[in-house]
C-alpha cells in the first residue's frame, strides 16, 4: 500500500529519489502521467495499476470528443521510468514543466498510486484545503462511509 509523504529534491538532470518503501511496493518500473487536475501534480503507477488505467483510457470512443481530448493529453504526457541503482527515476522535461517542479518535490502515497507535487504547490494545496468548512467536509466524506 502506497501511503505517506516524503520530500526530496530534483537534481539538475531531472532525477528524484523514489522512497524505498514505494520501490518495495511497486518494483523498478514506474509509469508517470499527468493528473486530471490540470497542472497540479503527476501520477505514478505500478505496471499493474498502469495497465488498468490504460485499458480504461483506451476504451474511450473516438466519437466522444471531450474524452478523446483527455486521452490525447494524458497519453502524450506519459512515460515509463526505470529506477537506477541509487533509487532515482528520471522525469521527462515535459512532465517536470507540467507539474511546475523546480527543486523540492513532495512524493505522496495515495493507496494504489503516488503523486509527485512541486513542494510549493503541495503546501499551497494543503493550506487551501485547511480553509474548507469542516462540517460540510465531514458530511461529504460520510457518503463514502468515512
Protein backbone atom coordinates (compact mmCIF):
# COMPACT_ATOMS: atom_id res chain seq x y z
CA UNK A 1 0.00 0.00 0.00
CA UNK A 2 1.37 3.37 -1.06
CA UNK A 3 0.90 5.76 1.85
CA UNK A 4 2.84 8.60 3.45
CA UNK A 5 4.58 11.77 2.34
CA UNK A 6 8.26 12.09 1.52
CA UNK A 7 10.13 15.20 0.47
CA UNK A 8 13.04 15.11 -1.93
CA UNK A 9 14.80 17.43 -4.33
CA UNK A 10 15.04 17.04 -8.06
CA UNK A 11 18.60 17.15 -9.35
CA UNK A 12 19.86 19.11 -12.37
CA UNK A 13 19.34 16.07 -14.62
CA UNK A 14 15.68 15.75 -13.62
CA UNK A 15 16.04 12.78 -11.27
CA UNK A 16 14.31 12.28 -7.96
CA UNK A 17 14.76 9.62 -5.33
CA UNK A 18 11.74 7.37 -5.10
CA UNK A 19 11.28 6.36 -1.44
CA UNK A 20 12.48 2.81 -0.70
CA UNK A 21 9.05 1.90 0.70
CA UNK A 22 7.42 2.80 -2.60
CA UNK A 23 10.09 0.98 -4.61
CA UNK A 24 9.49 -2.10 -2.46
CA UNK A 25 5.77 -1.93 -3.23
CA UNK A 26 5.97 -1.13 -6.95
CA UNK A 27 9.30 -2.51 -8.13
CA UNK A 28 11.79 -0.98 -10.54
CA UNK A 29 9.40 0.26 -13.24
CA UNK A 30 7.04 3.20 -12.79
CA UNK A 31 4.54 4.76 -15.20
CA UNK A 32 4.08 8.50 -14.83
CA UNK A 33 1.38 10.71 -16.28
CA UNK A 34 -0.44 13.95 -15.61
CA UNK A 35 -3.29 14.32 -13.15
CA UNK A 36 -6.80 15.22 -14.20
CA UNK A 37 -6.42 18.41 -12.15
CA UNK A 38 -4.63 20.33 -14.88
CA UNK A 39 -1.15 21.49 -13.92
CA UNK A 40 -1.32 20.29 -10.32
CA UNK A 41 0.71 17.10 -9.98
CA UNK A 42 1.90 13.92 -11.64
CA UNK A 43 0.53 10.45 -11.01
CA UNK A 44 2.84 7.47 -10.70
CA UNK A 45 1.53 3.95 -11.27
CA UNK A 46 2.86 0.44 -10.87
CA UNK A 47 2.80 -1.66 -14.07
CA UNK A 48 -0.38 -3.40 -12.85
CA UNK A 49 -2.19 -0.16 -11.97
CA UNK A 50 -0.99 1.46 -15.21
CA UNK A 51 -2.41 -1.44 -17.23
CA UNK A 52 -5.79 -0.99 -15.55
CA UNK A 53 -5.73 2.78 -16.14
CA UNK A 54 -4.52 2.34 -19.73
CA UNK A 55 -7.34 -0.08 -20.52
CA UNK A 56 -9.90 2.44 -19.29
CA UNK A 57 -8.34 5.25 -21.32
CA UNK A 58 -8.05 3.00 -24.39
CA UNK A 59 -11.77 2.19 -24.23
CA UNK A 60 -12.66 5.82 -24.96
CA UNK A 61 -14.72 6.03 -28.14
CA UNK A 62 -13.45 8.32 -30.87
CA UNK A 63 -16.92 9.85 -31.13
CA UNK A 64 -16.63 11.23 -27.56
CA UNK A 65 -14.68 14.40 -28.36
CA UNK A 66 -14.32 15.52 -24.73
CA UNK A 67 -12.94 12.16 -23.59
CA UNK A 68 -10.71 11.89 -26.69
CA UNK A 69 -9.15 15.23 -25.71
CA UNK A 70 -8.36 13.78 -22.28
CA UNK A 71 -6.98 10.59 -23.87
CA UNK A 72 -4.67 12.54 -26.18
CA UNK A 73 -3.42 14.77 -23.39
CA UNK A 74 -2.83 12.04 -20.83
CA UNK A 75 -1.17 9.53 -23.18
CA UNK A 76 1.05 12.13 -24.83
CA UNK A 77 2.16 13.22 -21.35
CA UNK A 78 3.04 9.75 -20.06
CA UNK A 79 6.34 7.97 -19.61
CA UNK A 80 7.80 4.70 -18.41
CA UNK A 81 10.58 5.29 -15.88
CA UNK A 82 13.09 2.81 -14.51
CA UNK A 83 14.72 3.09 -11.11
CA UNK A 84 18.51 3.43 -11.23
CA UNK A 85 20.97 1.90 -8.74
CA UNK A 86 20.64 4.93 -6.44
CA UNK A 87 16.83 4.58 -6.25
CA UNK A 88 16.15 7.52 -8.58
CA UNK A 89 13.83 7.94 -11.52
CA UNK A 90 14.39 10.35 -14.39
CA UNK A 91 11.41 12.59 -15.02
CA UNK A 92 10.96 13.79 -18.60
CA UNK A 93 11.23 17.57 -19.02
CA UNK A 94 7.64 17.85 -20.28
CA UNK A 95 6.35 16.33 -17.03
CA UNK A 96 8.59 18.49 -14.85
CA UNK A 97 7.27 21.59 -16.63
CA UNK A 98 3.68 20.40 -16.50
CA UNK A 99 3.77 19.97 -12.71
CA UNK A 100 5.81 23.15 -12.15
CA UNK A 101 8.54 21.25 -10.35
CA UNK A 102 11.64 23.38 -9.82
CA UNK A 103 13.57 21.99 -6.87
CA UNK A 104 11.68 20.40 -4.00
CA UNK A 105 9.23 17.56 -4.63
CA UNK A 106 6.55 16.09 -2.37
CA UNK A 107 6.16 12.36 -3.05
CA UNK A 108 2.71 11.45 -1.74
CA UNK A 109 1.22 7.96 -1.44
CA UNK A 110 -2.41 7.66 -2.49
CA UNK A 111 -3.05 3.98 -1.77
CA UNK A 112 -2.84 2.48 -5.26
CA UNK A 113 -0.72 5.21 -6.88
CA UNK A 114 1.72 8.00 -6.00
CA UNK A 115 1.50 11.72 -6.64
CA UNK A 116 4.51 13.93 -7.36
CA UNK A 117 3.95 17.58 -6.46
CA UNK A 118 6.05 20.69 -6.58
CA UNK A 119 6.58 21.15 -2.84
CA UNK A 120 5.32 24.75 -3.10
CA UNK A 121 2.10 23.65 -4.85
CA UNK A 122 1.64 20.83 -2.32
CA UNK A 123 1.98 23.29 0.58
CA UNK A 124 -0.43 25.73 -1.06
CA UNK A 125 -2.93 22.93 -1.75
CA UNK A 126 -2.83 21.82 1.88
CA UNK A 127 -3.27 25.37 3.15
CA UNK A 128 -6.26 25.91 0.85
CA UNK A 129 -7.81 22.64 1.95
CA UNK A 130 -7.46 23.73 5.57
CA UNK A 131 -9.95 26.51 4.79
CA UNK A 132 -12.72 24.01 3.90
CA UNK A 133 -15.88 24.09 6.01
CA UNK A 134 -15.19 21.15 8.35
CA UNK A 135 -18.87 20.32 8.81
CA UNK A 136 -19.53 20.11 5.05
CA UNK A 137 -16.29 18.18 4.62
CA UNK A 138 -17.29 15.57 7.22
CA UNK A 139 -20.79 15.32 5.74
CA UNK A 140 -19.39 14.75 2.25
CA UNK A 141 -16.98 12.04 3.45
CA UNK A 142 -19.79 10.28 5.28
CA UNK A 143 -21.32 9.48 1.88
CA UNK A 144 -18.28 7.20 1.39
CA UNK A 145 -18.74 5.63 4.79
CA UNK A 146 -15.75 7.50 6.25
